[in-house]
Amino acid sequence: MTVVRSILLFVVAALFEIGGAWLVWQGWREHRGLWWIAAGVIALGAYGFVATFQPDPNFGRILAAYGGVFVAGSLAWGVIVDKFRPDRWDVIGAGICLIGVALIMYAPRSVGGGG
């Protein structure tokens, strides 16, 4: 159940961070205004809190793994929200990143946390 919770937290974090960045982008680059930017800043702040709920106590590990989630999530956001069409290299790269996430977060470790 801990792995499922961790994965759900990564998804929520991705929605806040990618969504927040997208709102800032829309507010500034697409001239939608300061309310969009403000909403984006709030979402980005919420992302920072979501990461603290991960069961692993290591900040560096959480953020390193989240980097892979961010890569794949950003491409997915582009597909869903902006109608972006990733090519095979985008998909392969995102898959490699998610394999990295799985290794960083969920590989068996000794009690001391080493390999």
PDB file of N, CA and C in Angstrom:
ATOM      1  N   MET A   1       0.822  -1.196   0.000  1.00  0.00           N
ATOM      2  CA  MET A   1       0.000   0.000   0.000  1.00  0.00           C
ATOM      3  C   MET A   1       0.864   1.257   0.000  1.00  0.00           C
ATOM      4  N   THR A   2       2.068   1.196   0.568  1.00  0.00           N
ATOM      5  CA  THR A   2       2.957   2.349   0.605  1.00  0.00           C
ATOM      6  C   THR A   2       3.368   2.772  -0.801  1.00  0.00           C
ATOM      7  N   VAL A   3       3.618   1.827  -1.690  1.00  0.00           N
ATOM      8  CA  VAL A   3       3.996   2.145  -3.066  1.00  0.00           C
ATOM      9  C   VAL A   3       2.833   2.830  -3.779  1.00  0.00           C
ATOM     10  N   VAL A   4       1.634   2.328  -3.600  1.00  0.00           N
ATOM     11  CA  VAL A   4       0.457   2.944  -4.228  1.00  0.00           C
ATOM     12  C   VAL A   4       0.289   4.373  -3.732  1.00  0.00           C
ATOM     13  N   ARG A   5       0.424   4.566  -2.435  1.00  0.00           N
ATOM     14  CA  ARG A   5       0.318   5.921  -1.867  1.00  0.00           C
ATOM     15  C   ARG A   5       1.389   6.830  -2.453  1.00  0.00           C
ATOM     16  N   SER A   6       2.602   6.340  -2.549  1.00  0.00           N
ATOM     17  CA  SER A   6       3.706   7.115  -3.094  1.00  0.00           C
ATOM     18  C   SER A   6       3.430   7.508  -4.549  1.00  0.00           C
ATOM     19  N   ILE A   7       2.953   6.571  -5.345  1.00  0.00           N
ATOM     20  CA  ILE A   7       2.649   6.858  -6.749  1.00  0.00           C
ATOM     21  C   ILE A   7       1.547   7.908  -6.858  1.00  0.00           C
ATOM     22  N   LEU A   8       0.512   7.779  -6.030  1.00  0.00           N
ATOM     23  CA  LEU A   8      -0.566   8.775  -6.040  1.00  0.00           C
ATOM     24  C   LEU A   8      -0.046  10.157  -5.650  1.00  0.00           C
ATOM     25  N   LEU A   9       0.851  10.215  -4.677  1.00  0.00           N
ATOM     26  CA  LEU A   9       1.441  11.494  -4.294  1.00  0.00           C
ATOM     27  C   LEU A   9       2.263  12.092  -5.430  1.00  0.00           C
ATOM     28  N   PHE A  10       2.982  11.255  -6.159  1.00  0.00           N
ATOM     29  CA  PHE A  10       3.729  11.751  -7.317  1.00  0.00           C
ATOM     30  C   PHE A  10       2.775  12.320  -8.373  1.00  0.00           C
ATOM     31  N   VAL A  11       1.656  11.658  -8.590  1.00  0.00           N
ATOM     32  CA  VAL A  11       0.677  12.146  -9.573  1.00  0.00           C
ATOM     33  C   VAL A  11       0.102  13.496  -9.134  1.00  0.00           C
ATOM     34  N   VAL A  12      -0.265  13.593  -7.870  1.00  0.00           N
ATOM     35  CA  VAL A  12      -0.813  14.858  -7.351  1.00  0.00           C
ATOM     36  C   VAL A  12       0.247  15.961  -7.442  1.00  0.00           C
ATOM     37  N   ALA A  13       1.481  15.637  -7.067  1.00  0.00           N
ATOM     38  CA  ALA A  13       2.562  16.621  -7.153  1.00  0.00           C
ATOM     39  C   ALA A  13       2.744  17.091  -8.594  1.00  0.00           C
ATOM     40  N   ALA A  14       2.691  16.160  -9.530  1.00  0.00           N
ATOM     41  CA  ALA A  14       2.841  16.521 -10.942  1.00  0.00           C
ATOM     42  C   ALA A  14       1.715  17.439 -11.398  1.00  0.00           C
ATOM     43  N   LEU A  15       0.499  17.144 -10.982  1.00  0.00           N
ATOM     44  CA  LEU A  15      -0.625  18.007 -11.361  1.00  0.00           C
ATOM     45  C   LEU A  15      -0.424  19.424 -10.831  1.00  0.00           C
ATOM     46  N   PHE A  16       0.013  19.547  -9.584  1.00  0.00           N
ATOM     47  CA  PHE A  16       0.247  20.874  -9.022  1.00  0.00           C
ATOM     48  C   PHE A  16       1.413  21.584  -9.700  1.00  0.00           C
ATOM     49  N   GLU A  17       2.531  20.889  -9.880  1.00  0.00           N
ATOM     50  CA  GLU A  17       3.698  21.577 -10.434  1.00  0.00           C
ATOM     51  C   GLU A  17       3.520  21.878 -11.916  1.00  0.00           C
ATOM     52  N   ILE A  18       3.132  20.895 -12.686  1.00  0.00           N
ATOM     53  CA  ILE A  18       2.976  21.119 -14.120  1.00  0.00           C
ATOM     54  C   ILE A  18       1.807  22.066 -14.382  1.00  0.00           C
ATOM     55  N   GLY A  19       0.713  21.849 -13.647  1.00  0.00           N
ATOM     56  CA  GLY A  19      -0.431  22.744 -13.795  1.00  0.00           C
ATOM     57  C   GLY A  19      -0.093  24.161 -13.384  1.00  0.00           C
ATOM     58  N   GLY A  20       0.663  24.310 -12.306  1.00  0.00           N
ATOM     59  CA  GLY A  20       1.067  25.640 -11.857  1.00  0.00           C
ATOM     60  C   GLY A  20       1.955  26.333 -12.873  1.00  0.00           C
ATOM     61  N   ALA A  21       2.919  25.611 -13.398  1.00  0.00           N
ATOM     62  CA  ALA A  21       3.796  26.189 -14.419  1.00  0.00           C
ATOM     63  C   ALA A  21       3.001  26.555 -15.672  1.00  0.00           C
ATOM     64  N   TRP A  22       2.047  25.709 -16.039  1.00  0.00           N
ATOM     65  CA  TRP A  22       1.203  25.981 -17.205  1.00  0.00           C
ATOM     66  C   TRP A  22       0.367  27.240 -16.981  1.00  0.00           C
ATOM     67  N   LEU A  23      -0.161  27.405 -15.770  1.00  0.00           N
ATOM     68  CA  LEU A  23      -0.948  28.610 -15.468  1.00  0.00           C
ATOM     69  C   LEU A  23      -0.091  29.869 -15.564  1.00  0.00           C
ATOM     70  N   VAL A  24       1.128  29.815 -15.048  1.00  0.00           N
ATOM     71  CA  VAL A  24       2.035  30.956 -15.169  1.00  0.00           C
ATOM     72  C   VAL A  24       2.318  31.224 -16.652  1.00  0.00           C
ATOM     73  N   TRP A  25       2.587  30.179 -17.394  1.00  0.00           N
ATOM     74  CA  TRP A  25       2.839  30.301 -18.834  1.00  0.00           C
ATOM     75  C   TRP A  25       1.654  30.973 -19.531  1.00  0.00           C
ATOM     76  N   GLN A  26       0.458  30.491 -19.216  1.00  0.00           N
ATOM     77  CA  GLN A  26      -0.744  31.066 -19.830  1.00  0.00           C
ATOM     78  C   GLN A  26      -0.924  32.534 -19.430  1.00  0.00           C
ATOM     79  N   GLY A  27      -0.694  32.824 -18.167  1.00  0.00           N
ATOM     80  CA  GLY A  27      -0.858  34.184 -17.694  1.00  0.00           C
ATOM     81  C   GLY A  27       0.105  35.160 -18.350  1.00  0.00           C
ATOM     82  N   TRP A  28       1.359  34.712 -18.511  1.00  0.00           N
ATOM     83  CA  TRP A  28       2.381  35.609 -19.049  1.00  0.00           C
ATOM     84  C   TRP A  28       2.495  35.521 -20.563  1.00  0.00           C
ATOM     85  N   ARG A  29       2.744  34.318 -21.068  1.00  0.00           N
ATOM     86  CA  ARG A  29       3.003  34.162 -22.509  1.00  0.00           C
ATOM     87  C   ARG A  29       1.746  34.320 -23.362  1.00  0.00           C
ATOM     88  N   GLU A  30       0.624  33.902 -22.809  1.00  0.00           N
ATOM     89  CA  GLU A  30      -0.629  33.980 -23.571  1.00  0.00           C
ATOM     90  C   GLU A  30      -1.476  35.182 -23.139  1.00  0.00           C
ATOM     91  N   HIS A  31      -0.915  36.027 -22.294  1.00  0.00           N
ATOM     92  CA  HIS A  31      -1.538  37.296 -21.882  1.00  0.00           C
ATOM     93  C   HIS A  31      -2.922  37.109 -21.257  1.00  0.00           C
ATOM     94  N   ARG A  32      -3.043  36.100 -20.410  1.00  0.00           N
ATOM     95  CA  ARG A  32      -4.329  35.866 -19.742  1.00  0.00           C
ATOM     96  C   ARG A  32      -4.447  36.615 -18.421  1.00  0.00           C
ATOM     97  N   GLY A  33      -3.360  37.172 -17.943  1.00  0.00           N
ATOM     98  CA  GLY A  33      -3.453  38.058 -16.795  1.00  0.00           C
ATOM     99  C   GLY A  33      -2.847  37.533 -15.510  1.00  0.00           C
ATOM    100  N   LEU A  34      -2.845  38.450 -14.554  1.00  0.00           N
ATOM    101  CA  LEU A  34      -2.204  38.176 -13.262  1.00  0.00           C
ATOM    102  C   LEU A  34      -2.933  37.118 -12.445  1.00  0.00           C
ATOM    103  N   TRP A  35      -4.239  36.966 -12.618  1.00  0.00           N
ATOM    104  CA  TRP A  35      -4.963  35.943 -11.848  1.00  0.00           C
ATOM    105  C   TRP A  35      -4.491  34.553 -12.230  1.00  0.00           C
ATOM    106  N   TRP A  36      -4.198  34.343 -13.493  1.00  0.00           N
ATOM    107  CA  TRP A  36      -3.668  33.051 -13.932  1.00  0.00           C
ATOM    108  C   TRP A  36      -2.295  32.818 -13.310  1.00  0.00           C
ATOM    109  N   ILE A  37      -1.471  33.857 -13.327  1.00  0.00           N
ATOM    110  CA  ILE A  37      -0.135  33.742 -12.736  1.00  0.00           C
ATOM    111  C   ILE A  37      -0.237  33.466 -11.240  1.00  0.00           C
ATOM    112  N   ALA A  38      -1.117  34.189 -10.552  1.00  0.00           N
ATOM    113  CA  ALA A  38      -1.289  33.986  -9.107  1.00  0.00           C
ATOM    114  C   ALA A  38      -1.748  32.557  -8.811  1.00  0.00           C
ATOM    115  N   ALA A  39      -2.691  32.068  -9.595  1.00  0.00           N
ATOM    116  CA  ALA A  39      -3.151  30.680  -9.400  1.00  0.00           C
ATOM    117  C   ALA A  39      -1.998  29.704  -9.615  1.00  0.00           C
ATOM    118  N   GLY A  40      -1.156  29.989 -10.600  1.00  0.00           N
ATOM    119  CA  GLY A  40      -0.007  29.139 -10.858  1.00  0.00           C
ATOM    120  C   GLY A  40       0.980  29.131  -9.707  1.00  0.00           C
ATOM    121  N   VAL A  41       1.223  30.296  -9.132  1.00  0.00           N
ATOM    122  CA  VAL A  41       2.146  30.393  -7.999  1.00  0.00           C
ATOM    123  C   VAL A  41       1.602  29.611  -6.804  1.00  0.00           C
ATOM    124  N   ILE A  42       0.308  29.698  -6.565  1.00  0.00           N
ATOM    125  CA  ILE A  42      -0.311  28.941  -5.467  1.00  0.00           C
ATOM    126  C   ILE A  42      -0.175  27.440  -5.716  1.00  0.00           C
ATOM    127  N   ALA A  43      -0.438  27.021  -6.947  1.00  0.00           N
ATOM    128  CA  ALA A  43      -0.317  25.593  -7.278  1.00  0.00           C
ATOM    129  C   ALA A  43       1.122  25.121  -7.113  1.00  0.00           C
ATOM    130  N   LEU A  44       2.078  25.935  -7.524  1.00  0.00           N
ATOM    131  CA  LEU A  44       3.481  25.560  -7.366  1.00  0.00           C
ATOM    132  C   LEU A  44       3.854  25.433  -5.887  1.00  0.00           C
ATOM    133  N   GLY A  45       3.311  26.312  -5.057  1.00  0.00           N
ATOM    134  CA  GLY A  45       3.538  26.187  -3.615  1.00  0.00           C
ATOM    135  C   GLY A  45       2.926  24.919  -3.057  1.00  0.00           C
ATOM    136  N   ALA A  46       1.741  24.573  -3.534  1.00  0.00           N
ATOM    137  CA  ALA A  46       1.078  23.342  -3.077  1.00  0.00           C
ATOM    138  C   ALA A  46       1.904  22.113  -3.456  1.00  0.00           C
ATOM    139  N   TYR A  47       2.527  22.163  -4.621  1.00  0.00           N
ATOM    140  CA  TYR A  47       3.396  21.059  -5.037  1.00  0.00           C
ATOM    141  C   TYR A  47       4.482  20.803  -3.987  1.00  0.00           C
ATOM    142  N   GLY A  48       5.062  21.874  -3.467  1.00  0.00           N
ATOM    143  CA  GLY A  48       6.117  21.729  -2.468  1.00  0.00           C
ATOM    144  C   GLY A  48       5.646  21.001  -1.219  1.00  0.00           C
ATOM    145  N   PHE A  49       4.402  21.218  -0.848  1.00  0.00           N
ATOM    146  CA  PHE A  49       3.864  20.535   0.330  1.00  0.00           C
ATOM    147  C   PHE A  49       3.550  19.073   0.051  1.00  0.00           C
ATOM    148  N   VAL A  50       3.056  18.778  -1.124  1.00  0.00           N
ATOM    149  CA  VAL A  50       2.683  17.396  -1.457  1.00  0.00           C
ATOM    150  C   VAL A  50       3.892  16.471  -1.325  1.00  0.00           C
ATOM    151  N   ALA A  51       5.039  16.934  -1.753  1.00  0.00           N
ATOM    152  CA  ALA A  51       6.242  16.091  -1.682  1.00  0.00           C
ATOM    153  C   ALA A  51       6.575  15.685  -0.252  1.00  0.00           C
ATOM    154  N   THR A  52       6.200  16.503   0.724  1.00  0.00           N
ATOM    155  CA  THR A  52       6.529  16.184   2.118  1.00  0.00           C
ATOM    156  C   THR A  52       5.754  14.988   2.646  1.00  0.00           C
ATOM    157  N   PHE A  53       4.721  14.570   1.950  1.00  0.00           N
ATOM    158  CA  PHE A  53       3.919  13.425   2.391  1.00  0.00           C
ATOM    159  C   PHE A  53       4.449  12.091   1.873  1.00  0.00           C
ATOM    160  N   GLN A  54       5.496  12.120   1.054  1.00  0.00           N
ATOM    161  CA  GLN A  54       6.078  10.866   0.577  1.00  0.00           C
ATOM    162  C   GLN A  54       6.595  10.071   1.776  1.00  0.00           C
ATOM    163  N   PRO A  55       6.434   8.754   1.757  1.00  0.00           N
ATOM    164  CA  PRO A  55       6.872   7.947   2.902  1.00  0.00           C
ATOM    165  C   PRO A  55       8.390   7.887   3.086  1.00  0.00           C
ATOM    166  N   ASP A  56       9.156   8.058   2.035  1.00  0.00           N
ATOM    167  CA  ASP A  56      10.616   8.031   2.164  1.00  0.00           C
ATOM    168  C   ASP A  56      11.080   9.339   2.806  1.00  0.00           C
ATOM    169  N   PRO A  57      11.981   9.283   3.775  1.00  0.00           N
ATOM    170  CA  PRO A  57      12.391  10.497   4.487  1.00  0.00           C
ATOM    171  C   PRO A  57      13.484  11.309   3.787  1.00  0.00           C
ATOM    172  N   ASN A  58      13.971  10.851   2.653  1.00  0.00           N
ATOM    173  CA  ASN A  58      15.117  11.474   1.999  1.00  0.00           C
ATOM    174  C   ASN A  58      14.696  12.468   0.924  1.00  0.00           C
ATOM    175  N   PHE A  59      14.881  13.755   1.210  1.00  0.00           N
ATOM    176  CA  PHE A  59      14.491  14.823   0.290  1.00  0.00           C
ATOM    177  C   PHE A  59      15.114  14.635  -1.091  1.00  0.00           C
ATOM    178  N   GLY A  60      16.411  14.377  -1.125  1.00  0.00           N
ATOM    179  CA  GLY A  60      17.103  14.221  -2.408  1.00  0.00           C
ATOM    180  C   GLY A  60      16.537  13.089  -3.243  1.00  0.00           C
ATOM    181  N   ARG A  61      16.234  11.981  -2.602  1.00  0.00           N
ATOM    182  CA  ARG A  61      15.670  10.835  -3.317  1.00  0.00           C
ATOM    183  C   ARG A  61      14.290  11.181  -3.884  1.00  0.00           C
ATOM    184  N   ILE A  62      13.469  11.822  -3.073  1.00  0.00           N
ATOM    185  CA  ILE A  62      12.115  12.183  -3.515  1.00  0.00           C
ATOM    186  C   ILE A  62      12.188  13.107  -4.720  1.00  0.00           C
ATOM    187  N   LEU A  63      13.002  14.168  -4.624  1.00  0.00           N
ATOM    188  CA  LEU A  63      13.068  15.114  -5.730  1.00  0.00           C
ATOM    189  C   LEU A  63      13.732  14.522  -6.960  1.00  0.00           C
ATOM    190  N   ALA A  64      14.729  13.675  -6.778  1.00  0.00           N
ATOM    191  CA  ALA A  64      15.358  13.024  -7.926  1.00  0.00           C
ATOM    192  C   ALA A  64      14.346  12.140  -8.651  1.00  0.00           C
ATOM    193  N   ALA A  65      13.614  11.358  -7.898  1.00  0.00           N
ATOM    194  CA  ALA A  65      12.608  10.497  -8.512  1.00  0.00           C
ATOM    195  C   ALA A  65      11.507  11.329  -9.150  1.00  0.00           C
ATOM    196  N   TYR A  66      11.100  12.398  -8.471  1.00  0.00           N
ATOM    197  CA  TYR A  66      10.041  13.232  -9.019  1.00  0.00           C
ATOM    198  C   TYR A  66      10.446  13.834 -10.360  1.00  0.00           C
ATOM    199  N   GLY A  67      11.743  14.059 -10.559  1.00  0.00           N
ATOM    200  CA  GLY A  67      12.204  14.576 -11.849  1.00  0.00           C
ATOM    201  C   GLY A  67      11.743  13.703 -13.004  1.00  0.00           C
ATOM    202  N   GLY A  68      11.807  12.392 -12.822  1.00  0.00           N
ATOM    203  CA  GLY A  68      11.327  11.475 -13.866  1.00  0.00           C
ATOM    204  C   GLY A  68       9.826  11.547 -14.051  1.00  0.00           C
ATOM    205  N   VAL A  69       9.112  11.686 -12.938  1.00  0.00           N
ATOM    206  CA  VAL A  69       7.655  11.834 -13.017  1.00  0.00           C
ATOM    207  C   VAL A  69       7.319  13.127 -13.747  1.00  0.00           C
ATOM    208  N   PHE A  70       8.081  14.186 -13.469  1.00  0.00           N
ATOM    209  CA  PHE A  70       7.859  15.475 -14.113  1.00  0.00           C
ATOM    210  C   PHE A  70       8.040  15.372 -15.626  1.00  0.00           C
ATOM    211  N   VAL A  71       9.076  14.672 -16.064  1.00  0.00           N
ATOM    212  CA  VAL A  71       9.319  14.523 -17.500  1.00  0.00           C
ATOM    213  C   VAL A  71       8.136  13.833 -18.173  1.00  0.00           C
ATOM    214  N   ALA A  72       7.743  12.687 -17.650  1.00  0.00           N
ATOM    215  CA  ALA A  72       6.628  11.941 -18.247  1.00  0.00           C
ATOM    216  C   ALA A  72       5.319  12.711 -18.100  1.00  0.00           C
ATOM    217  N   GLY A  73       5.109  13.315 -16.936  1.00  0.00           N
ATOM    218  CA  GLY A  73       3.883  14.066 -16.701  1.00  0.00           C
ATOM    219  C   GLY A  73       3.760  15.282 -17.597  1.00  0.00           C
ATOM    220  N   SER A  74       4.881  15.943 -17.859  1.00  0.00           N
ATOM    221  CA  SER A  74       4.858  17.113 -18.736  1.00  0.00           C
ATOM    222  C   SER A  74       4.445  16.724 -20.148  1.00  0.00           C
ATOM    223  N   LEU A  75       4.960  15.615 -20.626  1.00  0.00           N
ATOM    224  CA  LEU A  75       4.547  15.146 -21.951  1.00  0.00           C
ATOM    225  C   LEU A  75       3.068  14.779 -21.958  1.00  0.00           C
ATOM    226  N   ALA A  76       2.614  14.105 -20.918  1.00  0.00           N
ATOM    227  CA  ALA A  76       1.194  13.740 -20.831  1.00  0.00           C
ATOM    228  C   ALA A  76       0.322  14.996 -20.774  1.00  0.00           C
ATOM    229  N   TRP A  77       0.741  15.990 -19.993  1.00  0.00           N
ATOM    230  CA  TRP A  77       0.001  17.259 -19.915  1.00  0.00           C
ATOM    231  C   TRP A  77      -0.106  17.879 -21.313  1.00  0.00           C
ATOM    232  N   GLY A  78       1.021  17.887 -22.022  1.00  0.00           N
ATOM    233  CA  GLY A  78       1.023  18.445 -23.373  1.00  0.00           C
ATOM    234  C   GLY A  78       0.052  17.735 -24.291  1.00  0.00           C
ATOM    235  N   VAL A  79      -0.012  16.422 -24.175  1.00  0.00           N
ATOM    236  CA  VAL A  79      -0.938  15.638 -25.007  1.00  0.00           C
ATOM    237  C   VAL A  79      -2.382  15.984 -24.663  1.00  0.00           C
ATOM    238  N   ILE A  80      -2.696  16.013 -23.379  1.00  0.00           N
ATOM    239  CA  ILE A  80      -4.082  16.195 -22.939  1.00  0.00           C
ATOM    240  C   ILE A  80      -4.535  17.643 -23.075  1.00  0.00           C
ATOM    241  N   VAL A  81      -3.706  18.581 -22.639  1.00  0.00           N
ATOM    242  CA  VAL A  81      -4.132  19.977 -22.562  1.00  0.00           C
ATOM    243  C   VAL A  81      -3.810  20.766 -23.830  1.00  0.00           C
ATOM    244  N   ASP A  82      -2.626  20.562 -24.375  1.00  0.00           N
ATOM    245  CA  ASP A  82      -2.191  21.367 -25.516  1.00  0.00           C
ATOM    246  C   ASP A  82      -2.221  20.630 -26.850  1.00  0.00           C
ATOM    247  N   LYS A  83      -2.723  19.401 -26.846  1.00  0.00           N
ATOM    248  CA  LYS A  83      -2.817  18.589 -28.071  1.00  0.00           C
ATOM    249  C   LYS A  83      -1.453  18.373 -28.732  1.00  0.00           C
ATOM    250  N   PHE A  84      -0.416  18.298 -27.895  1.00  0.00           N
ATOM    251  CA  PHE A  84       0.941  18.003 -28.345  1.00  0.00           C
ATOM    252  C   PHE A  84       1.019  16.540 -28.749  1.00  0.00           C
ATOM    253  N   ARG A  85       1.758  16.256 -29.796  1.00  0.00           N
ATOM    254  CA  ARG A  85       1.930  14.870 -30.241  1.00  0.00           C
ATOM    255  C   ARG A  85       3.398  14.476 -30.079  1.00  0.00           C
ATOM    256  N   PRO A  86       3.703  13.741 -28.997  1.00  0.00           N
ATOM    257  CA  PRO A  86       5.099  13.328 -28.799  1.00  0.00           C
ATOM    258  C   PRO A  86       5.515  12.322 -29.862  1.00  0.00           C
ATOM    259  N   ASP A  87       6.787  12.379 -30.213  1.00  0.00           N
ATOM    260  CA  ASP A  87       7.289  11.363 -31.146  1.00  0.00           C
ATOM    261  C   ASP A  87       7.812  10.171 -30.344  1.00  0.00           C
ATOM    262  N   ARG A  88       8.298   9.189 -31.032  1.00  0.00           N
ATOM    263  CA  ARG A  88       8.726   7.960 -30.349  1.00  0.00           C
ATOM    264  C   ARG A  88       9.867   8.234 -29.382  1.00  0.00           C
ATOM    265  N   TRP A  89      10.725   9.214 -29.687  1.00  0.00           N
ATOM    266  CA  TRP A  89      11.850   9.511 -28.808  1.00  0.00           C
ATOM    267  C   TRP A  89      11.370  10.170 -27.518  1.00  0.00           C
ATOM    268  N   ASP A  90      10.329  10.981 -27.609  1.00  0.00           N
ATOM    269  CA  ASP A  90       9.724  11.539 -26.398  1.00  0.00           C
ATOM    270  C   ASP A  90       9.189  10.412 -25.517  1.00  0.00           C
ATOM    271  N   VAL A  91       8.485   9.490 -26.127  1.00  0.00           N
ATOM    272  CA  VAL A  91       7.871   8.381 -25.381  1.00  0.00           C
ATOM    273  C   VAL A  91       8.944   7.473 -24.780  1.00  0.00           C
ATOM    274  N   ILE A  92       9.962   7.154 -25.564  1.00  0.00           N
ATOM    275  CA  ILE A  92      11.054   6.305 -25.057  1.00  0.00           C
ATOM    276  C   ILE A  92      11.781   7.007 -23.916  1.00  0.00           C
ATOM    277  N   GLY A  93      12.065   8.296 -24.079  1.00  0.00           N
ATOM    278  CA  GLY A  93      12.738   9.058 -23.025  1.00  0.00           C
ATOM    279  C   GLY A  93      11.921   9.098 -21.747  1.00  0.00           C
ATOM    280  N   ALA A  94      10.609   9.319 -21.879  1.00  0.00           N
ATOM    281  CA  ALA A  94       9.746   9.332 -20.701  1.00  0.00           C
ATOM    282  C   ALA A  94       9.721   7.961 -20.035  1.00  0.00           C
ATOM    283  N   GLY A  95       9.699   6.909 -20.826  1.00  0.00           N
ATOM    284  CA  GLY A  95       9.730   5.553 -20.271  1.00  0.00           C
ATOM    285  C   GLY A  95      11.002   5.286 -19.492  1.00  0.00           C
ATOM    286  N   ILE A  96      12.129   5.737 -20.045  1.00  0.00           N
ATOM    287  CA  ILE A  96      13.409   5.584 -19.335  1.00  0.00           C
ATOM    288  C   ILE A  96      13.361   6.334 -18.007  1.00  0.00           C
ATOM    289  N   CYS A  97      12.799   7.533 -18.029  1.00  0.00           N
ATOM    290  CA  CYS A  97      12.688   8.312 -16.790  1.00  0.00           C
ATOM    291  C   CYS A  97      11.849   7.582 -15.747  1.00  0.00           C
ATOM    292  N   LEU A  98      10.742   6.983 -16.185  1.00  0.00           N
ATOM    293  CA  LEU A  98       9.880   6.270 -15.232  1.00  0.00           C
ATOM    294  C   LEU A  98      10.549   5.006 -14.698  1.00  0.00           C
ATOM    295  N   ILE A  99      11.375   4.375 -15.505  1.00  0.00           N
ATOM    296  CA  ILE A  99      12.166   3.250 -14.997  1.00  0.00           C
ATOM    297  C   ILE A  99      13.122   3.757 -13.912  1.00  0.00           C
ATOM    298  N   GLY A 100      13.714   4.920 -14.142  1.00  0.00           N
ATOM    299  CA  GLY A 100      14.577   5.529 -13.124  1.00  0.00           C
ATOM    300  C   GLY A 100      13.825   5.816 -11.845  1.00  0.00           C
ATOM    301  N   VAL A 101      12.593   6.324 -11.967  1.00  0.00           N
ATOM    302  CA  VAL A 101      11.763   6.575 -10.782  1.00  0.00           C
ATOM    303  C   VAL A 101      11.569   5.284 -10.000  1.00  0.00           C
ATOM    304  N   ALA A 102      11.213   4.221 -10.703  1.00  0.00           N
ATOM    305  CA  ALA A 102      10.966   2.937 -10.038  1.00  0.00           C
ATOM    306  C   ALA A 102      12.222   2.445  -9.320  1.00  0.00           C
ATOM    307  N   LEU A 103      13.370   2.581  -9.958  1.00  0.00           N
ATOM    308  CA  LEU A 103      14.613   2.143  -9.319  1.00  0.00           C
ATOM    309  C   LEU A 103      14.949   2.998  -8.101  1.00  0.00           C
ATOM    310  N   ILE A 104      14.835   4.301  -8.254  1.00  0.00           N
ATOM    311  CA  ILE A 104      15.189   5.204  -7.152  1.00  0.00           C
ATOM    312  C   ILE A 104      14.263   5.005  -5.951  1.00  0.00           C
ATOM    313  N   MET A 105      12.988   4.897  -6.214  1.00  0.00           N
ATOM    314  CA  MET A 105      12.010   4.879  -5.118  1.00  0.00           C
ATOM    315  C   MET A 105      11.692   3.489  -4.575  1.00  0.00           C
ATOM    316  N   TYR A 106      11.642   2.505  -5.435  1.00  0.00           N
ATOM    317  CA  TYR A 106      11.022   1.243  -5.007  1.00  0.00           C
ATOM    318  C   TYR A 106      11.936   0.028  -5.075  1.00  0.00           C
ATOM    319  N   ALA A 107      13.194   0.223  -5.415  1.00  0.00           N
ATOM    320  CA  ALA A 107      14.130  -0.909  -5.408  1.00  0.00           C
ATOM    321  C   ALA A 107      14.357  -1.361  -3.963  1.00  0.00           C
ATOM    322  N   PRO A 108      14.526  -2.661  -3.748  1.00  0.00           N
ATOM    323  CA  PRO A 108      14.798  -3.136  -2.379  1.00  0.00           C
ATOM    324  C   PRO A 108      16.104  -2.564  -1.865  1.00  0.00           C
ATOM    325  N   ARG A 109      16.114  -2.152  -0.629  1.00  0.00           N
ATOM    326  CA  ARG A 109      17.297  -1.577  -0.016  1.00  0.00           C
ATOM    327  C   ARG A 109      17.550  -2.254   1.328  1.00  0.00           C
ATOM    328  N   SER A 110      18.797  -2.186   1.728  1.00  0.00           N
ATOM    329  CA  SER A 110      19.101  -2.683   3.080  1.00  0.00           C
ATOM    330  C   SER A 110      18.580  -1.670   4.085  1.00  0.00           C
ATOM    331  N   VAL A 111      18.561  -2.031   5.337  1.00  0.00           N
ATOM    332  CA  VAL A 111      18.021  -1.177   6.393  1.00  0.00           C
ATOM    333  C   VAL A 111      18.742   0.165   6.425  1.00  0.00           C
ATOM    334  N   GLY A 112      20.035   0.207   6.163  1.00  0.00           N
ATOM    335  CA  GLY A 112      20.798   1.448   6.182  1.00  0.00           C
ATOM    336  C   GLY A 112      20.545   2.337   4.991  1.00  0.00           C
ATOM    337  N   GLY A 113      19.812   1.838   3.971  1.00  0.00           N
ATOM    338  CA  GLY A 113      19.476   2.649   2.813  1.00  0.00           C
ATOM    339  C   GLY A 113      20.468   2.519   1.670  1.00  0.00           C
ATOM    340  N   GLY A 114      21.529   1.740   1.843  1.00  0.00           N
ATOM    341  CA  GLY A 114      22.491   1.545   0.769  1.00  0.00           C
ATOM    342  C   GLY A 114      22.044   0.449  -0.178  1.00  0.00           C
ATOM    343  N   GLY A 115      22.812   0.216  -1.238  1.00  0.00           N
ATOM    344  CA  GLY A 115      22.463  -0.767  -2.252  1.00  0.00           C
ATOM    345  C   GLY A 115      22.894  -2.097  -1.825  1.00  0.00           C
TER     346      GLY A 115
END
